Every structure is written in structure tokens, then in C-alpha cells.
Amino acid sequence: MSRRDSICPRHLVVPTVEPVRRRWLRQTLVTLATGAVGSLLSAHAAPPVPGRFVPEMSDEFAGEALDTTIWRTYNPHWTGDEDEAVDPDAVSVRGGIARLTVRLLRPRFYATALLESLHLQQYGYFEIRSRAALSKVNQAFWFYAWTPTGTREIDVFEMAPASPGERHSLQTNLHVYDGDPALENDHNRRSYPMTWEDPSFDPCDWHVYGLLWTPQVLRWYVDGRTIREARNHHFHLPMRLLLGAGIYLKWRGEPGNDELSHAFEVDYVRTWALVP
């Protein structure tokens, strides 16, 4: 995937992270107690953005194993970049948290983690709650579509808090490529990077990251604040939601052994489809 380019954003405020989570859990319990709408999905509160939405894919990472009806831990068209190989066993679930880890296989080459949704998404609001490891590992949340005639990618965030100058920032990006995917590279792909930085932002704390994707607009959120907005010129096809922990030595630098003992952690993934 194309996460080698740099990126930079802006800012809205919605309720803080923990109250949002408590309210969602309270609504879930009420729904279950009253027998209304049967599934946990339908118990979701409305997303914190304007528009009409219906609950779609969700994972609270309950239990002690990954739900393989929702996720796969590989991408059939991409096995990793030059410094890495995707390891299907690098994702684990424990205590209600998904953990994405990286380990050294040989000098300057790593086994990395990938979660890819089985469900295709097109237009809606998409949200995760996560915290990054203090590491040079590139930790990311994005959408990707592969077709025989081209690829599309929306990077909701990429971050590596231990890389120089990255302690209080994250990158966003849009990638557009038309042509044979086998010929795609950093030179023939169109990219629209942007970096957002805030001295009060600590990516190693828990935060809620969101993306509003409509036929007209793309809007990025951190804890309810709008950090970037762009017109939607290119993203009008179903895409898969992905989470990853990867290695980009030329961009991020090489992580130390102590950094690899920490994981990119995800508390939940919640998505809502836009009602036409």
C-alpha cells in the first residue's frame, strides 16, 4: 500500500472519548433489556456528524479471538513493502482490545500486522478508538480499493510517534492511480498528503478517529474535531477498511527492540452507512 508520502490538517468538538463510549454502552444495554432491534449493531448511537445513517459493520473485539466473519489478516494483492512481510499471526485479541504487533525477522526486515474488513464500504461515517505505541512502527487506519484498472486509497491516519518530529502529529492522505495495478509506484500515483500537528495531541493516549465519506466530501476527525476536509473527486466505489502496523525504514526510521514490545491497540471499530 502507499504509505510513504508525508501529509498535514485543521480543526470541531464533540463529547469527549469516554463519555461517548459510556453513552453507547448504556444505549446497548437498554436495547438488549427492552428486546428492541436484536443486534448490538442496531444499538449504536447516531454518529457525531450531520446526515442520515444506519449502523453497518462493527467490532468491539469482545472475547479472546479475532472475529473471522468480519476480518482477514492479509490482503490478496499486497504482502508488504520492501522492509516487511505481512504476518497473519501478528494480530491478537485480548481483554476487549485488538493488538497489532511487529517483530524483527532478520536485520532490517520485519513481520508486520494487517487487519482488513471482509465487508466492502461505500459512503458513511467510520470510527475507531485506538492508541498508538511509542514507536517508529507506522500505525494506520485507511480504506483501499483494488480493481484491474486502478487503485484508490483514503488514509484516515498514519502515525509513528517515536520518529523524529512525529510525537504530536499524524498524517492523512489520498492516493489515486489509474492503470494496471502491477505498474503502480510512487511516481505515477497521484497523492494528496496533509500533516496535522497539535502540541496537546498525544497519539499514545486513547483517541477516537473518524472519517465522513459522502459523494461530495471527505472529512477527517480526531475526538470530534475536524482536522481536514476535501472535495470527493475520486472515491466513488466500494472499499475495504484496514488497520495496520508496518515498517517504512526510509520514511519512519528503524524501531529499536524496546519499541517492538509495544502494540498498536484498537478498542473498537464502528461504521454507519450513509442513507441516500
C-alpha atoms as a PDB file:
ATOM      1  CA  MET A   1       0.000   0.000   0.000  1.00  0.00           C
ATOM      2  CA  SER A   2       1.103   3.553  -0.465  1.00  0.00           C
ATOM      3  CA  ARG A   3       2.063   4.976   2.890  1.00  0.00           C
ATOM      4  CA  ARG A   4       5.411   6.517   2.086  1.00  0.00           C
ATOM      5  CA  ASP A   5       4.410  10.059   1.395  1.00  0.00           C
ATOM      6  CA  SER A   6       4.207  12.769   4.031  1.00  0.00           C
ATOM      7  CA  ILE A   7       0.856  14.563   4.996  1.00  0.00           C
ATOM      8  CA  CYS A   8      -0.921  17.908   7.203  1.00  0.00           C
ATOM      9  CA  PRO A   9      -4.664  19.059   8.539  1.00  0.00           C
ATOM     10  CA  ARG A  10      -7.102  21.548  10.675  1.00  0.00           C
ATOM     11  CA  HIS A  11      -9.965  21.510  13.418  1.00  0.00           C
ATOM     12  CA  LEU A  12     -14.766  20.835  15.835  1.00  0.00           C
ATOM     13  CA  VAL A  13     -15.646  19.483  19.163  1.00  0.00           C
ATOM     14  CA  VAL A  14     -17.940  16.686  20.128  1.00  0.00           C
ATOM     15  CA  PRO A  15     -18.239  14.976  23.541  1.00  0.00           C
ATOM     16  CA  THR A  16     -15.003  13.544  24.960  1.00  0.00           C
ATOM     17  CA  VAL A  17     -13.969   9.950  24.284  1.00  0.00           C
ATOM     18  CA  GLU A  18     -15.000   8.185  27.499  1.00  0.00           C
ATOM     19  CA  PRO A  19     -18.491   9.778  27.783  1.00  0.00           C
ATOM     20  CA  VAL A  20     -19.194   8.812  24.151  1.00  0.00           C
ATOM     21  CA  ARG A  21     -18.252   5.208  24.898  1.00  0.00           C
ATOM     22  CA  ARG A  22     -20.308   5.085  28.124  1.00  0.00           C
ATOM     23  CA  ARG A  23     -23.352   6.512  26.336  1.00  0.00           C
ATOM     24  CA  TRP A  24     -23.054   3.904  23.570  1.00  0.00           C
ATOM     25  CA  LEU A  25     -22.790   1.081  26.126  1.00  0.00           C
ATOM     26  CA  ARG A  26     -25.807   2.445  28.040  1.00  0.00           C
ATOM     27  CA  GLN A  27     -27.877   2.519  24.833  1.00  0.00           C
ATOM     28  CA  THR A  28     -26.772  -1.035  24.070  1.00  0.00           C
ATOM     29  CA  LEU A  29     -27.919  -2.279  27.487  1.00  0.00           C
ATOM     30  CA  VAL A  30     -31.256  -0.500  27.163  1.00  0.00           C
ATOM     31  CA  THR A  31     -31.802  -2.022  23.734  1.00  0.00           C
ATOM     32  CA  LEU A  32     -30.985  -5.520  24.982  1.00  0.00           C
ATOM     33  CA  ALA A  33     -33.143  -5.114  28.105  1.00  0.00           C
ATOM     34  CA  THR A  34     -36.170  -3.970  26.143  1.00  0.00           C
ATOM     35  CA  GLY A  35     -35.705  -6.513  23.378  1.00  0.00           C
ATOM     36  CA  ALA A  36     -35.701  -3.755  20.776  1.00  0.00           C
ATOM     37  CA  VAL A  37     -33.923  -4.334  17.455  1.00  0.00           C
ATOM     38  CA  GLY A  38     -31.974  -7.547  18.229  1.00  0.00           C
ATOM     39  CA  SER A  39     -28.356  -6.839  17.401  1.00  0.00           C
ATOM     40  CA  LEU A  40     -25.600  -4.850  19.022  1.00  0.00           C
ATOM     41  CA  LEU A  41     -25.122  -3.081  15.715  1.00  0.00           C
ATOM     42  CA  SER A  42     -28.587  -1.567  15.878  1.00  0.00           C
ATOM     43  CA  ALA A  43     -27.904  -0.282  19.399  1.00  0.00           C
ATOM     44  CA  HIS A  44     -25.278   2.180  18.151  1.00  0.00           C
ATOM     45  CA  ALA A  45     -25.863   5.805  18.902  1.00  0.00           C
ATOM     46  CA  ALA A  46     -26.115   8.054  15.885  1.00  0.00           C
ATOM     47  CA  PRO A  47     -22.658   9.112  14.654  1.00  0.00           C
ATOM     48  CA  PRO A  48     -21.459  12.575  15.743  1.00  0.00           C
ATOM     49  CA  VAL A  49     -21.830  14.064  12.255  1.00  0.00           C
ATOM     50  CA  PRO A  50     -24.760  15.557  10.316  1.00  0.00           C
ATOM     51  CA  GLY A  51     -26.689  13.318   7.921  1.00  0.00           C
ATOM     52  CA  ARG A  52     -28.852  10.190   7.873  1.00  0.00           C
ATOM     53  CA  PHE A  53     -27.036   6.934   8.665  1.00  0.00           C
ATOM     54  CA  VAL A  54     -27.790   3.312   9.513  1.00  0.00           C
ATOM     55  CA  PRO A  55     -25.436   1.100  11.564  1.00  0.00           C
ATOM     56  CA  GLU A  56     -23.268  -1.167   9.462  1.00  0.00           C
ATOM     57  CA  MET A  57     -20.115  -3.132  10.357  1.00  0.00           C
ATOM     58  CA  SER A  58     -18.997  -3.167  13.992  1.00  0.00           C
ATOM     59  CA  ASP A  59     -16.454  -4.934  16.164  1.00  0.00           C
ATOM     60  CA  GLU A  60     -15.984  -4.321  19.903  1.00  0.00           C
ATOM     61  CA  PHE A  61     -13.270  -7.033  19.998  1.00  0.00           C
ATOM     62  CA  ALA A  62     -15.084  -8.957  22.717  1.00  0.00           C
ATOM     63  CA  GLY A  63     -13.739 -12.378  23.589  1.00  0.00           C
ATOM     64  CA  GLU A  64     -10.223 -13.684  23.145  1.00  0.00           C
ATOM     65  CA  ALA A  65     -10.061 -14.315  19.392  1.00  0.00           C
ATOM     66  CA  LEU A  66     -10.420 -12.288  16.216  1.00  0.00           C
ATOM     67  CA  ASP A  67     -13.846 -12.491  14.568  1.00  0.00           C
ATOM     68  CA  THR A  68     -13.017 -14.010  11.187  1.00  0.00           C
ATOM     69  CA  THR A  69     -16.541 -13.303   9.919  1.00  0.00           C
ATOM     70  CA  ILE A  70     -15.558  -9.614   9.965  1.00  0.00           C
ATOM     71  CA  TRP A  71     -11.802  -9.588   9.284  1.00  0.00           C
ATOM     72  CA  ARG A  72      -8.962 -11.223   7.447  1.00  0.00           C
ATOM     73  CA  THR A  73      -5.307 -10.638   8.369  1.00  0.00           C
ATOM     74  CA  TYR A  74      -3.915 -10.295   4.852  1.00  0.00           C
ATOM     75  CA  ASN A  75      -4.545  -8.538   1.551  1.00  0.00           C
ATOM     76  CA  PRO A  76      -4.611 -10.738  -1.576  1.00  0.00           C
ATOM     77  CA  HIS A  77      -2.975  -8.023  -3.707  1.00  0.00           C
ATOM     78  CA  TRP A  78      -0.280  -6.840  -1.294  1.00  0.00           C
ATOM     79  CA  THR A  79       2.043  -8.785   1.010  1.00  0.00           C
ATOM     80  CA  GLY A  80       4.068  -5.884   2.382  1.00  0.00           C
ATOM     81  CA  ASP A  81       6.579  -3.263   1.296  1.00  0.00           C
ATOM     82  CA  GLU A  82      10.313  -3.683   0.835  1.00  0.00           C
ATOM     83  CA  ASP A  83      11.093  -3.717   4.570  1.00  0.00           C
ATOM     84  CA  GLU A  84       8.344  -6.082   5.689  1.00  0.00           C
ATOM     85  CA  ALA A  85       6.181  -9.153   5.169  1.00  0.00           C
ATOM     86  CA  VAL A  86       2.603  -9.217   6.461  1.00  0.00           C
ATOM     87  CA  ASP A  87       2.246 -11.896   9.139  1.00  0.00           C
ATOM     88  CA  PRO A  88      -1.332 -13.220   9.563  1.00  0.00           C
ATOM     89  CA  ASP A  89      -0.468 -14.142  13.169  1.00  0.00           C
ATOM     90  CA  ALA A  90       0.590 -10.603  14.156  1.00  0.00           C
ATOM     91  CA  VAL A  91      -2.948  -9.630  15.218  1.00  0.00           C
ATOM     92  CA  SER A  92      -4.402 -10.826  18.514  1.00  0.00           C
ATOM     93  CA  VAL A  93      -7.465 -10.025  20.622  1.00  0.00           C
ATOM     94  CA  ARG A  94      -7.311  -9.938  24.395  1.00  0.00           C
ATOM     95  CA  GLY A  95      -9.369  -8.187  27.047  1.00  0.00           C
ATOM     96  CA  GLY A  96     -11.585  -6.394  24.535  1.00  0.00           C
ATOM     97  CA  ILE A  97      -8.625  -4.948  22.633  1.00  0.00           C
ATOM     98  CA  ALA A  98      -7.172  -5.844  19.215  1.00  0.00           C
ATOM     99  CA  ARG A  99      -3.365  -5.700  19.292  1.00  0.00           C
ATOM    100  CA  LEU A 100      -1.272  -5.282  16.134  1.00  0.00           C
ATOM    101  CA  THR A 101       2.396  -6.108  16.646  1.00  0.00           C
ATOM    102  CA  VAL A 102       5.654  -6.103  14.688  1.00  0.00           C
ATOM    103  CA  ARG A 103       8.681  -8.345  15.138  1.00  0.00           C
ATOM    104  CA  LEU A 104      12.143  -8.498  13.617  1.00  0.00           C
ATOM    105  CA  LEU A 105      12.664 -11.435  11.224  1.00  0.00           C
ATOM    106  CA  ARG A 106      16.227 -10.621  10.151  1.00  0.00           C
ATOM    107  CA  PRO A 107      18.324  -7.446  10.055  1.00  0.00           C
ATOM    108  CA  ARG A 108      16.202  -4.594   8.679  1.00  0.00           C
ATOM    109  CA  PHE A 109      13.274  -6.854   7.736  1.00  0.00           C
ATOM    110  CA  TYR A 110      10.113  -7.276   9.811  1.00  0.00           C
ATOM    111  CA  ALA A 111       6.920  -9.285  10.203  1.00  0.00           C
ATOM    112  CA  THR A 112       4.051  -6.775  10.316  1.00  0.00           C
ATOM    113  CA  ALA A 113       0.320  -6.724  11.112  1.00  0.00           C
ATOM    114  CA  LEU A 114      -2.737  -6.103   8.955  1.00  0.00           C
ATOM    115  CA  LEU A 115      -6.496  -6.209   9.563  1.00  0.00           C
ATOM    116  CA  GLU A 116      -8.737  -5.940   6.509  1.00  0.00           C
ATOM    117  CA  SER A 117     -12.528  -5.952   6.558  1.00  0.00           C
ATOM    118  CA  LEU A 118     -14.356  -8.604   4.589  1.00  0.00           C
ATOM    119  CA  HIS A 119     -17.222  -6.152   4.184  1.00  0.00           C
ATOM    120  CA  LEU A 120     -16.965  -3.502   1.464  1.00  0.00           C
ATOM    121  CA  GLN A 121     -17.913   0.058   2.428  1.00  0.00           C
ATOM    122  CA  GLN A 122     -19.089   2.969   0.298  1.00  0.00           C
ATOM    123  CA  TYR A 123     -20.146   6.295   1.830  1.00  0.00           C
ATOM    124  CA  GLY A 124     -20.827   6.696   5.525  1.00  0.00           C
ATOM    125  CA  TYR A 125     -19.187   7.549   8.814  1.00  0.00           C
ATOM    126  CA  PHE A 126     -16.378   5.335  10.093  1.00  0.00           C
ATOM    127  CA  GLU A 127     -14.843   5.455  13.549  1.00  0.00           C
ATOM    128  CA  ILE A 128     -12.230   3.663  15.630  1.00  0.00           C
ATOM    129  CA  ARG A 129     -10.921   4.172  19.151  1.00  0.00           C
ATOM    130  CA  SER A 130      -7.224   3.407  19.382  1.00  0.00           C
ATOM    131  CA  ARG A 131      -3.877   4.283  20.880  1.00  0.00           C
ATOM    132  CA  ALA A 132      -0.518   4.137  19.176  1.00  0.00           C
ATOM    133  CA  ALA A 133       2.664   2.601  20.502  1.00  0.00           C
ATOM    134  CA  LEU A 134       5.575   4.973  21.163  1.00  0.00           C
ATOM    135  CA  SER A 135       7.468   3.508  18.256  1.00  0.00           C
ATOM    136  CA  LYS A 136       8.774   4.127  14.745  1.00  0.00           C
ATOM    137  CA  VAL A 137       6.310   1.494  13.544  1.00  0.00           C
ATOM    138  CA  ASN A 138       3.835   3.096  11.114  1.00  0.00           C
ATOM    139  CA  GLN A 139       0.376   2.646  12.673  1.00  0.00           C
ATOM    140  CA  ALA A 140      -2.503   3.291  10.307  1.00  0.00           C
ATOM    141  CA  PHE A 141      -6.254   3.336   9.634  1.00  0.00           C
ATOM    142  CA  TRP A 142      -7.255   3.524   5.972  1.00  0.00           C
ATOM    143  CA  PHE A 143      -9.555   2.429   3.131  1.00  0.00           C
ATOM    144  CA  TYR A 144      -8.366   0.670  -0.009  1.00  0.00           C
ATOM    145  CA  ALA A 145      -9.844  -0.492  -3.291  1.00  0.00           C
ATOM    146  CA  TRP A 146      -8.073  -2.620  -5.908  1.00  0.00           C
ATOM    147  CA  THR A 147      -9.525  -3.095  -9.395  1.00  0.00           C
ATOM    148  CA  PRO A 148      -7.876  -4.376 -12.593  1.00  0.00           C
ATOM    149  CA  THR A 149      -7.886  -0.794 -13.896  1.00  0.00           C
ATOM    150  CA  GLY A 150      -6.562   1.062 -10.859  1.00  0.00           C
ATOM    151  CA  THR A 151      -6.481   1.604  -7.094  1.00  0.00           C
ATOM    152  CA  ARG A 152      -7.883   4.088  -4.599  1.00  0.00           C
ATOM    153  CA  GLU A 153      -6.772   4.747  -1.025  1.00  0.00           C
ATOM    154  CA  ILE A 154      -8.020   7.037   1.767  1.00  0.00           C
ATOM    155  CA  ASP A 155      -5.616   7.308   4.700  1.00  0.00           C
ATOM    156  CA  VAL A 156      -7.570   8.339   7.789  1.00  0.00           C
ATOM    157  CA  PHE A 157      -4.311   8.419   9.714  1.00  0.00           C
ATOM    158  CA  GLU A 158      -0.763   7.200   9.788  1.00  0.00           C
ATOM    159  CA  MET A 159       1.465   7.820  12.792  1.00  0.00           C
ATOM    160  CA  ALA A 160       4.818   6.790  14.208  1.00  0.00           C
ATOM    161  CA  PRO A 161       5.188   8.764  17.451  1.00  0.00           C
ATOM    162  CA  ALA A 162       8.848   7.850  18.067  1.00  0.00           C
ATOM    163  CA  SER A 163      10.017   9.055  14.650  1.00  0.00           C
ATOM    164  CA  PRO A 164      11.790  12.438  14.698  1.00  0.00           C
ATOM    165  CA  GLY A 165       9.294  15.311  14.745  1.00  0.00           C
ATOM    166  CA  GLU A 166       6.259  12.975  14.919  1.00  0.00           C
ATOM    167  CA  ARG A 167       5.470  12.961  18.660  1.00  0.00           C
ATOM    168  CA  HIS A 168       2.347  15.133  18.369  1.00  0.00           C
ATOM    169  CA  SER A 169       1.237  14.647  14.780  1.00  0.00           C
ATOM    170  CA  LEU A 170      -0.432  12.324  12.330  1.00  0.00           C
ATOM    171  CA  GLN A 171      -0.552  12.093   8.560  1.00  0.00           C
ATOM    172  CA  THR A 172      -3.579  11.823   6.276  1.00  0.00           C
ATOM    173  CA  ASN A 173      -3.524  11.180   2.539  1.00  0.00           C
ATOM    174  CA  LEU A 174      -5.486  10.404  -0.604  1.00  0.00           C
ATOM    175  CA  HIS A 175      -3.990   8.172  -3.310  1.00  0.00           C
ATOM    176  CA  VAL A 176      -5.352   7.814  -6.832  1.00  0.00           C
ATOM    177  CA  TYR A 177      -3.958   5.504  -9.505  1.00  0.00           C
ATOM    178  CA  ASP A 178      -5.464   4.659 -12.891  1.00  0.00           C
ATOM    179  CA  GLY A 179      -3.898   1.837 -14.879  1.00  0.00           C
ATOM    180  CA  ASP A 180      -2.542  -1.657 -14.373  1.00  0.00           C
ATOM    181  CA  PRO A 181      -2.020  -2.033 -10.582  1.00  0.00           C
ATOM    182  CA  ALA A 182       1.116  -4.077 -11.244  1.00  0.00           C
ATOM    183  CA  LEU A 183       2.729  -0.927 -12.661  1.00  0.00           C
ATOM    184  CA  GLU A 184       1.744   1.418  -9.809  1.00  0.00           C
ATOM    185  CA  ASN A 185       4.550   3.224  -7.980  1.00  0.00           C
ATOM    186  CA  ASP A 186       5.239   6.420  -6.053  1.00  0.00           C
ATOM    187  CA  HIS A 187       5.899   8.337  -9.280  1.00  0.00           C
ATOM    188  CA  ASN A 188       2.760   7.529 -11.290  1.00  0.00           C
ATOM    189  CA  ARG A 189       0.306   7.619  -8.386  1.00  0.00           C
ATOM    190  CA  ARG A 190      -1.398  10.910  -7.524  1.00  0.00           C
ATOM    191  CA  SER A 191      -1.198  11.659  -3.807  1.00  0.00           C
ATOM    192  CA  TYR A 192      -2.666  14.458  -1.700  1.00  0.00           C
ATOM    193  CA  PRO A 193      -0.829  14.414   1.650  1.00  0.00           C
ATOM    194  CA  MET A 194      -1.511  16.529   4.679  1.00  0.00           C
ATOM    195  CA  THR A 195       0.018  16.519   8.190  1.00  0.00           C
ATOM    196  CA  TRP A 196      -1.874  17.616  11.285  1.00  0.00           C
ATOM    197  CA  GLU A 197       0.050  18.611  14.394  1.00  0.00           C
ATOM    198  CA  ASP A 198      -1.159  19.768  17.803  1.00  0.00           C
ATOM    199  CA  PRO A 199       1.168  20.115  20.831  1.00  0.00           C
ATOM    200  CA  SER A 200      -1.636  18.822  23.095  1.00  0.00           C
ATOM    201  CA  PHE A 201      -2.194  15.696  20.983  1.00  0.00           C
ATOM    202  CA  ASP A 202      -0.555  12.534  22.324  1.00  0.00           C
ATOM    203  CA  PRO A 203      -1.170   9.619  19.928  1.00  0.00           C
ATOM    204  CA  CYS A 204      -0.116   7.202  22.679  1.00  0.00           C
ATOM    205  CA  ASP A 205      -3.285   8.082  24.600  1.00  0.00           C
ATOM    206  CA  TRP A 206      -6.706   6.745  23.641  1.00  0.00           C
ATOM    207  CA  HIS A 207      -8.425   8.797  20.923  1.00  0.00           C
ATOM    208  CA  VAL A 208     -11.432   8.450  18.628  1.00  0.00           C
ATOM    209  CA  TYR A 209     -10.591   8.834  14.927  1.00  0.00           C
ATOM    210  CA  GLY A 210     -13.338   9.256  12.353  1.00  0.00           C
ATOM    211  CA  LEU A 211     -13.941   9.710   8.647  1.00  0.00           C
ATOM    212  CA  LEU A 212     -17.051  11.104   6.992  1.00  0.00           C
ATOM    213  CA  TRP A 213     -17.191   9.913   3.376  1.00  0.00           C
ATOM    214  CA  THR A 214     -20.007  11.143   1.138  1.00  0.00           C
ATOM    215  CA  PRO A 215     -20.342  11.567  -2.635  1.00  0.00           C
ATOM    216  CA  GLN A 216     -19.432  15.237  -2.164  1.00  0.00           C
ATOM    217  CA  VAL A 217     -16.930  15.437   0.695  1.00  0.00           C
ATOM    218  CA  LEU A 218     -14.307  13.676   2.806  1.00  0.00           C
ATOM    219  CA  ARG A 219     -13.847  14.902   6.365  1.00  0.00           C
ATOM    220  CA  TRP A 220     -11.348  13.660   8.966  1.00  0.00           C
ATOM    221  CA  TYR A 221     -11.922  13.836  12.753  1.00  0.00           C
ATOM    222  CA  VAL A 222      -9.878  13.412  15.935  1.00  0.00           C
ATOM    223  CA  ASP A 223     -12.011  13.300  19.096  1.00  0.00           C
ATOM    224  CA  GLY A 224     -14.760  15.113  17.244  1.00  0.00           C
ATOM    225  CA  ARG A 225     -12.520  17.871  15.867  1.00  0.00           C
ATOM    226  CA  THR A 226     -12.431  18.324  12.121  1.00  0.00           C
ATOM    227  CA  ILE A 227      -8.761  18.166  11.150  1.00  0.00           C
ATOM    228  CA  ARG A 228      -9.102  18.040   7.364  1.00  0.00           C
ATOM    229  CA  GLU A 229     -11.753  18.386   4.665  1.00  0.00           C
ATOM    230  CA  ALA A 230     -11.552  17.695   0.931  1.00  0.00           C
ATOM    231  CA  ARG A 231     -13.913  17.543  -2.018  1.00  0.00           C
ATOM    232  CA  ASN A 232     -14.581  13.975  -3.117  1.00  0.00           C
ATOM    233  CA  HIS A 233     -13.434  13.805  -6.719  1.00  0.00           C
ATOM    234  CA  HIS A 234     -12.196  10.205  -6.929  1.00  0.00           C
ATOM    235  CA  PHE A 235     -13.687   7.928  -4.252  1.00  0.00           C
ATOM    236  CA  HIS A 236     -16.945   6.551  -5.606  1.00  0.00           C
ATOM    237  CA  LEU A 237     -16.501   2.781  -5.368  1.00  0.00           C
ATOM    238  CA  PRO A 238     -16.726   0.204  -2.562  1.00  0.00           C
ATOM    239  CA  MET A 239     -13.583  -0.012  -0.432  1.00  0.00           C
ATOM    240  CA  ARG A 240     -12.287  -2.147   2.422  1.00  0.00           C
ATOM    241  CA  LEU A 241     -11.441  -0.772   5.868  1.00  0.00           C
ATOM    242  CA  LEU A 242      -7.935  -1.599   7.067  1.00  0.00           C
ATOM    243  CA  LEU A 243      -5.817  -1.240  10.189  1.00  0.00           C
ATOM    244  CA  GLY A 244      -2.116  -1.888  10.141  1.00  0.00           C
ATOM    245  CA  ALA A 245       1.261  -1.731  11.856  1.00  0.00           C
ATOM    246  CA  GLY A 246       4.001  -1.544   9.222  1.00  0.00           C
ATOM    247  CA  ILE A 247       7.648  -0.695   8.649  1.00  0.00           C
ATOM    248  CA  TYR A 248       8.983   2.062   6.378  1.00  0.00           C
ATOM    249  CA  LEU A 249      12.662   2.409   7.186  1.00  0.00           C
ATOM    250  CA  LYS A 250      13.371   5.250   4.743  1.00  0.00           C
ATOM    251  CA  TRP A 251      10.391   7.273   5.963  1.00  0.00           C
ATOM    252  CA  ARG A 252       9.985   6.441   9.656  1.00  0.00           C
ATOM    253  CA  GLY A 253      13.395   5.070  10.630  1.00  0.00           C
ATOM    254  CA  GLU A 254      14.232   1.741  12.228  1.00  0.00           C
ATOM    255  CA  PRO A 255      12.499   0.874  15.516  1.00  0.00           C
ATOM    256  CA  GLY A 256      14.573  -0.258  18.454  1.00  0.00           C
ATOM    257  CA  ASN A 257      13.979  -3.632  20.084  1.00  0.00           C
ATOM    258  CA  ASP A 258      12.291  -1.934  23.045  1.00  0.00           C
ATOM    259  CA  GLU A 259       9.789  -0.280  20.686  1.00  0.00           C
ATOM    260  CA  LEU A 260       8.732  -3.640  19.253  1.00  0.00           C
ATOM    261  CA  SER A 261       7.498  -4.801  22.668  1.00  0.00           C
ATOM    262  CA  HIS A 262       4.554  -2.376  22.325  1.00  0.00           C
ATOM    263  CA  ALA A 263       1.449  -2.788  20.148  1.00  0.00           C
ATOM    264  CA  PHE A 264      -0.937  -0.612  18.164  1.00  0.00           C
ATOM    265  CA  GLU A 265      -4.134  -1.148  20.156  1.00  0.00           C
ATOM    266  CA  VAL A 266      -7.718  -0.786  18.910  1.00  0.00           C
ATOM    267  CA  ASP A 267     -10.678  -0.716  21.299  1.00  0.00           C
ATOM    268  CA  TYR A 268     -13.444  -0.769  18.696  1.00  0.00           C
ATOM    269  CA  VAL A 269     -14.389  -0.241  15.054  1.00  0.00           C
ATOM    270  CA  ARG A 270     -17.869   1.164  14.289  1.00  0.00           C
ATOM    271  CA  THR A 271     -19.289   2.099  10.914  1.00  0.00           C
ATOM    272  CA  TRP A 272     -22.513   3.614   9.658  1.00  0.00           C
ATOM    273  CA  ALA A 273     -23.735   3.628   6.053  1.00  0.00           C
ATOM    274  CA  LEU A 274     -24.995   6.876   4.565  1.00  0.00           C
ATOM    275  CA  VAL A 275     -28.694   6.762   3.700  1.00  0.00           C
ATOM    276  CA  PRO A 276     -29.181   8.085   0.136  1.00  0.00           C
END
